[in-house]
């Protein structure tokens, strides 16, 4: 009888622990569910260890169905986080942002936005609305974070009107100079070196070529290995002074190039290992369109 009572007490205690665990899980919200919490995402990814994988997508505005399909394919591969290169909406108003967050509900992993020209428009009001959509580190549209052995720098190409200047430039200098990361990556909406046949040629960071070249020299000095941009609705890869320059604007917005020139919907999948990153460009049908290595 004594043994039976002991067993009953243990079983009851065990059930109580299970019930307590369920209560704790349901009482405290998990990270999942809010891509708005960028500051929280920055803290979350710091604990990620090598190897890890992440995805990059850009220019999803006006292409909800394509963006949803690409997002589904990305999530099937279970990345640790996603970087969106900007132009998440067509116009900077609250209704469009609500629609974007609605179709992004399945993204329950850290999400890092890069501000695009359509996201803020050409007035201060657009930036004010943008800053209300995301809880950004220090409340700024540019920020950085480290994962494993890599530094990730998110820049705002719109604040200085296709220039990185003022406080953002001072901050960028400091971040690059103080980081000992073995791989440094930059993410920006407008490309520095769009292809000559691009509709964005002369309308991106190359609109101010002297400032653009000065920024490129800063990247060289700071040890940046790759710069990934969007804005031009295609995929394009080039290299300048051993820095890889990628354009990934195939997230759903109307395409700007023929298929053979990179005009296809896609995302970039990056696998980070010790000392290198292997990249794949994957189209809407799951076909690998390009491969590259960042070292």
Protein backbone atom coordinates (compact mmCIF):
# COMPACT_ATOMS: atom_id res chain seq x y z
CA UNK A 1 0.00 0.00 0.00
CA UNK A 2 2.87 2.33 0.88
CA UNK A 3 4.51 1.76 -2.50
CA UNK A 4 1.23 2.41 -4.28
CA UNK A 5 0.85 5.76 -2.47
CA UNK A 6 4.41 6.73 -3.37
CA UNK A 7 3.80 5.84 -7.01
CA UNK A 8 0.57 7.84 -7.02
CA UNK A 9 2.32 10.90 -5.56
CA UNK A 10 5.16 10.66 -8.11
CA UNK A 11 2.72 10.27 -10.98
CA UNK A 12 0.69 13.24 -9.75
CA UNK A 13 3.86 15.32 -9.35
CA UNK A 14 4.99 14.37 -12.86
CA UNK A 15 1.65 15.43 -14.34
CA UNK A 16 1.91 18.71 -12.45
CA UNK A 17 5.32 19.39 -14.00
CA UNK A 18 3.97 18.69 -17.48
CA UNK A 19 1.04 21.03 -16.84
CA UNK A 20 3.41 23.72 -15.56
CA UNK A 21 5.53 23.37 -18.68
CA UNK A 22 2.51 23.82 -20.93
CA UNK A 23 1.44 26.89 -18.97
CA UNK A 24 4.90 28.42 -19.28
CA UNK A 25 5.01 27.81 -23.04
CA UNK A 26 1.61 29.38 -23.58
CA UNK A 27 2.12 32.26 -21.16
CA UNK A 28 5.30 33.66 -22.72
CA UNK A 29 5.31 34.51 -26.44
CA UNK A 30 7.98 32.76 -28.51
CA UNK A 31 10.14 34.67 -30.98
CA UNK A 32 7.85 33.49 -33.77
CA UNK A 33 5.13 35.66 -35.13
CA UNK A 34 6.57 39.15 -35.52
CA UNK A 35 8.95 40.11 -38.28
CA UNK A 36 8.60 43.65 -36.97
CA UNK A 37 10.88 43.00 -33.99
CA UNK A 38 14.20 43.56 -35.71
CA UNK A 39 16.00 44.65 -32.55
CA UNK A 40 14.98 41.36 -30.94
CA UNK A 41 16.10 39.45 -34.03
CA UNK A 42 19.57 41.02 -33.76
CA UNK A 43 19.92 39.60 -30.25
CA UNK A 44 18.43 36.27 -31.26
CA UNK A 45 20.93 35.49 -34.04
CA UNK A 46 23.99 36.20 -31.92
CA UNK A 47 23.72 32.73 -30.42
CA UNK A 48 23.77 30.98 -33.81
CA UNK A 49 26.88 28.88 -34.37
CA UNK A 50 28.59 27.67 -37.53
CA UNK A 51 27.51 26.29 -39.91
CA UNK A 52 24.28 28.15 -40.60
CA UNK A 53 22.09 29.11 -43.54
CA UNK A 54 20.08 32.19 -44.46
CA UNK A 55 18.12 33.49 -47.43
CA UNK A 56 18.04 36.82 -49.25
CA UNK A 57 15.12 38.16 -51.27
CA UNK A 58 14.42 41.59 -52.73
CA UNK A 59 11.77 43.68 -54.48
CA UNK A 60 8.58 41.83 -53.61
CA UNK A 61 6.21 44.78 -54.06
CA UNK A 62 3.32 44.29 -56.50
CA UNK A 63 4.05 40.56 -56.57
CA UNK A 64 2.28 39.04 -53.60
CA UNK A 65 1.66 35.64 -55.19
CA UNK A 66 5.26 35.24 -56.32
CA UNK A 67 6.63 36.49 -53.01
CA UNK A 68 4.39 34.05 -51.11
CA UNK A 69 5.57 31.12 -53.23
CA UNK A 70 9.23 32.09 -52.87
CA UNK A 71 8.80 32.51 -49.11
CA UNK A 72 7.25 29.06 -48.87
CA UNK A 73 10.19 27.54 -50.74
CA UNK A 74 12.66 29.40 -48.52
CA UNK A 75 11.00 28.25 -45.30
CA UNK A 76 10.94 24.64 -46.50
CA UNK A 77 14.74 24.76 -46.38
CA UNK A 78 14.69 25.98 -42.73
CA UNK A 79 17.06 28.96 -42.80
CA UNK A 80 18.13 30.59 -39.55
CA UNK A 81 17.01 34.01 -40.81
CA UNK A 82 15.91 36.02 -43.87
CA UNK A 83 17.17 39.36 -45.21
CA UNK A 84 14.79 41.37 -47.39
CA UNK A 85 16.61 43.85 -49.65
CA UNK A 86 13.80 46.38 -49.74
CA UNK A 87 10.74 47.49 -51.72
CA UNK A 88 8.42 45.39 -49.62
CA UNK A 89 5.54 47.72 -50.52
CA UNK A 90 4.68 49.89 -53.53
CA UNK A 91 3.77 53.01 -51.60
CA UNK A 92 4.61 54.03 -48.05
CA UNK A 93 1.19 53.84 -46.44
CA UNK A 94 -0.16 51.87 -43.51
CA UNK A 95 -2.57 49.73 -45.57
CA UNK A 96 0.20 48.44 -47.81
CA UNK A 97 2.36 47.62 -44.80
CA UNK A 98 -0.53 45.75 -43.19
CA UNK A 99 -0.94 43.72 -46.39
CA UNK A 100 2.79 42.91 -46.45
CA UNK A 101 2.80 41.75 -42.84
CA UNK A 102 -0.30 39.66 -43.51
CA UNK A 103 1.31 37.71 -46.39
CA UNK A 104 4.50 37.37 -44.33
CA UNK A 105 2.81 35.72 -41.33
CA UNK A 106 4.42 32.39 -42.15
CA UNK A 107 7.87 33.92 -41.55
CA UNK A 108 8.44 33.05 -37.90
CA UNK A 109 12.21 33.37 -37.87
CA UNK A 110 14.42 36.45 -37.53
CA UNK A 111 13.75 38.87 -40.40
CA UNK A 112 16.03 41.77 -41.33
CA UNK A 113 14.63 44.51 -43.61
CA UNK A 114 16.67 46.81 -45.85
CA UNK A 115 14.85 50.04 -46.64
CA UNK A 116 13.95 50.51 -50.32
CA UNK A 117 12.89 53.55 -52.30
CA UNK A 118 9.26 52.40 -52.52
CA UNK A 119 9.23 51.70 -48.78
CA UNK A 120 9.81 55.34 -47.88
CA UNK A 121 8.95 57.27 -51.04
CA UNK A 122 10.38 60.73 -51.57
CA UNK A 123 9.06 62.51 -48.48
CA UNK A 124 9.95 62.52 -44.79
CA UNK A 125 6.48 61.14 -44.04
CA UNK A 126 7.39 57.87 -45.77
CA UNK A 127 10.38 57.33 -43.48
CA UNK A 128 8.26 58.16 -40.44
CA UNK A 129 5.74 55.49 -41.44
CA UNK A 130 8.56 53.00 -42.09
CA UNK A 131 10.05 53.58 -38.64
CA UNK A 132 6.67 52.81 -37.09
CA UNK A 133 6.44 49.45 -38.87
CA UNK A 134 9.63 47.93 -37.47
CA UNK A 135 11.28 47.97 -34.05
CA UNK A 136 14.75 48.74 -35.39
CA UNK A 137 18.05 48.75 -33.45
CA UNK A 138 18.48 52.24 -32.01
CA UNK A 139 15.43 53.28 -34.04
CA UNK A 140 17.52 53.70 -37.21
CA UNK A 141 17.11 52.43 -40.76
CA UNK A 142 20.74 51.27 -40.83
CA UNK A 143 22.18 48.75 -38.38
CA UNK A 144 24.56 45.81 -38.04
CA UNK A 145 24.74 42.43 -36.36
CA UNK A 146 27.12 39.49 -36.10
CA UNK A 147 26.38 35.82 -36.63
CA UNK A 148 29.09 33.20 -36.22
CA UNK A 149 32.20 34.56 -37.90
CA UNK A 150 30.38 37.08 -40.10
CA UNK A 151 29.44 40.75 -39.85
CA UNK A 152 26.18 41.85 -41.49
CA UNK A 153 25.79 45.55 -42.31
CA UNK A 154 22.39 46.91 -43.36
CA UNK A 155 22.61 50.28 -45.14
CA UNK A 156 20.02 52.90 -46.09
CA UNK A 157 20.54 54.08 -49.67
CA UNK A 158 17.53 56.44 -49.46
CA UNK A 159 18.48 58.69 -46.56
CA UNK A 160 21.28 60.42 -48.47
CA UNK A 161 19.53 60.18 -51.86
CA UNK A 162 21.79 57.48 -53.36
CA UNK A 163 24.66 58.47 -51.07
CA UNK A 164 25.94 57.07 -47.78
CA UNK A 165 26.80 60.28 -45.97
CA UNK A 166 26.39 62.19 -42.72
CA UNK A 167 25.91 60.17 -39.53
CA UNK A 168 25.41 56.95 -41.47
CA UNK A 169 28.84 57.30 -43.08
CA UNK A 170 30.52 58.02 -39.73
CA UNK A 171 28.77 54.99 -38.24
CA UNK A 172 29.79 52.78 -41.18
CA UNK A 173 33.44 53.83 -40.82
CA UNK A 174 33.36 52.89 -37.14
CA UNK A 175 31.62 49.56 -37.63
CA UNK A 176 34.04 48.38 -40.33
CA UNK A 177 37.13 49.59 -38.44
CA UNK A 178 36.12 47.99 -35.14
CA UNK A 179 35.01 44.59 -36.45
CA UNK A 180 37.33 41.58 -36.42
CA UNK A 181 34.84 39.33 -38.26
CA UNK A 182 36.46 37.10 -40.87
CA UNK A 183 33.70 37.78 -43.41
CA UNK A 184 31.96 41.14 -43.79
CA UNK A 185 28.80 41.50 -45.86
CA UNK A 186 26.88 44.63 -46.86
CA UNK A 187 23.19 44.74 -47.78
CA UNK A 188 21.78 47.82 -49.52
CA UNK A 189 18.75 48.45 -51.72
CA UNK A 190 20.30 50.40 -54.59
CA UNK A 191 23.24 48.75 -56.37
CA UNK A 192 26.61 50.43 -56.75
CA UNK A 193 27.36 48.92 -60.16
CA UNK A 194 24.17 48.13 -62.11
CA UNK A 195 24.77 46.51 -65.53
CA UNK A 196 24.94 48.88 -68.49
CA UNK A 197 21.68 47.50 -69.96
CA UNK A 198 19.82 48.09 -66.69
CA UNK A 199 16.84 50.42 -66.42
CA UNK A 200 18.51 51.53 -63.18
CA UNK A 201 21.81 52.46 -64.83
CA UNK A 202 22.65 56.01 -63.68
CA UNK A 203 19.72 55.97 -61.25
CA UNK A 204 21.16 53.88 -58.43
CA UNK A 205 24.26 54.54 -56.30
CA UNK A 206 26.04 55.26 -59.61
CA UNK A 207 24.03 58.48 -59.92
CA UNK A 208 26.83 60.02 -57.84
CA UNK A 209 29.89 58.17 -59.22
CA UNK A 210 32.47 59.98 -57.07
CA UNK A 211 30.57 59.14 -53.88
CA UNK A 212 29.97 55.61 -55.14
CA UNK A 213 33.66 55.05 -55.82
CA UNK A 214 34.56 56.48 -52.42
CA UNK A 215 32.13 54.01 -50.81
CA UNK A 216 33.68 51.16 -52.78
CA UNK A 217 37.13 52.18 -51.51
CA UNK A 218 35.80 52.17 -47.95
CA UNK A 219 34.50 48.64 -48.49
CA UNK A 220 37.93 47.63 -49.76
CA UNK A 221 39.70 49.20 -46.80
CA UNK A 222 37.21 47.70 -44.34
CA UNK A 223 37.54 44.16 -45.69
CA UNK A 224 34.03 43.79 -47.13
CA UNK A 225 33.77 40.59 -49.17
CA UNK A 226 30.35 41.00 -50.78
CA UNK A 227 27.71 43.69 -51.35
CA UNK A 228 24.17 42.46 -52.06
CA UNK A 229 21.61 44.90 -53.48
CA UNK A 230 18.23 44.89 -55.23
CA UNK A 231 16.26 47.71 -56.99
CA UNK A 232 16.97 46.29 -60.47
CA UNK A 233 14.37 43.53 -60.90
CA UNK A 234 16.71 40.75 -62.00
CA UNK A 235 19.69 38.74 -60.85
CA UNK A 236 23.19 39.94 -61.68
CA UNK A 237 26.67 39.11 -60.41
CA UNK A 238 29.91 40.99 -60.97
CA UNK A 239 33.22 41.43 -59.16
CA UNK A 240 35.31 44.54 -58.62
CA UNK A 241 38.66 44.52 -56.80
CA UNK A 242 37.82 41.11 -55.28
CA UNK A 243 34.51 42.35 -53.86
CA UNK A 244 31.49 40.40 -55.11
CA UNK A 245 28.62 42.67 -56.13
CA UNK A 246 25.25 40.92 -56.42
CA UNK A 247 21.85 42.24 -57.49
CA UNK A 248 18.86 40.24 -56.32
CA UNK A 249 15.61 41.98 -57.24
CA UNK A 250 13.50 38.99 -58.26
CA UNK A 251 11.16 38.73 -55.28
CA UNK A 252 7.90 39.38 -57.14
CA UNK A 253 8.04 42.91 -58.59
CA UNK A 254 7.74 43.24 -62.41
CA UNK A 255 10.93 41.95 -64.03
CA UNK A 256 13.25 44.37 -65.83
CA UNK A 257 15.32 41.99 -67.96
CA UNK A 258 15.09 39.00 -70.27
CA UNK A 259 15.40 35.59 -68.64
CA UNK A 260 18.86 35.03 -70.12
CA UNK A 261 19.97 38.34 -68.57
CA UNK A 262 18.75 37.46 -65.08
CA UNK A 263 15.10 38.37 -65.53
CA UNK A 264 13.52 35.63 -63.43
CA UNK A 265 11.94 35.43 -59.98
CA UNK A 266 14.36 34.04 -57.41
CA UNK A 267 15.95 34.13 -53.98
CA UNK A 268 19.56 33.64 -52.86
CA UNK A 269 20.44 30.80 -50.47
CA UNK A 270 23.67 31.21 -48.50
CA UNK A 271 25.42 28.54 -46.44
CA UNK A 272 27.99 29.95 -44.03
CA UNK A 273 30.90 27.75 -43.02
CA UNK A 274 34.27 28.41 -41.43
CA UNK A 275 36.03 30.98 -43.60
CA UNK A 276 33.61 30.92 -46.55
CA UNK A 277 30.03 31.26 -47.74
CA UNK A 278 28.56 29.16 -50.53
CA UNK A 279 25.74 30.80 -52.45
CA UNK A 280 23.02 29.50 -54.74
CA UNK A 281 20.51 31.47 -56.78
CA UNK A 282 17.23 29.54 -56.84
CA UNK A 283 14.34 30.42 -59.16
CA UNK A 284 10.60 30.00 -58.66
CA UNK A 285 10.68 26.44 -60.02
CA UNK A 286 13.51 25.43 -57.68
CA UNK A 287 16.16 25.45 -60.41
CA UNK A 288 19.64 26.60 -59.39
CA UNK A 289 20.54 29.47 -61.73
CA UNK A 290 23.95 30.40 -60.36
CA UNK A 291 26.51 29.38 -57.76
CA UNK A 292 29.25 31.43 -56.12
CA UNK A 293 31.62 31.39 -53.17
CA UNK A 294 32.47 34.25 -50.79
CA UNK A 295 35.80 33.82 -48.97
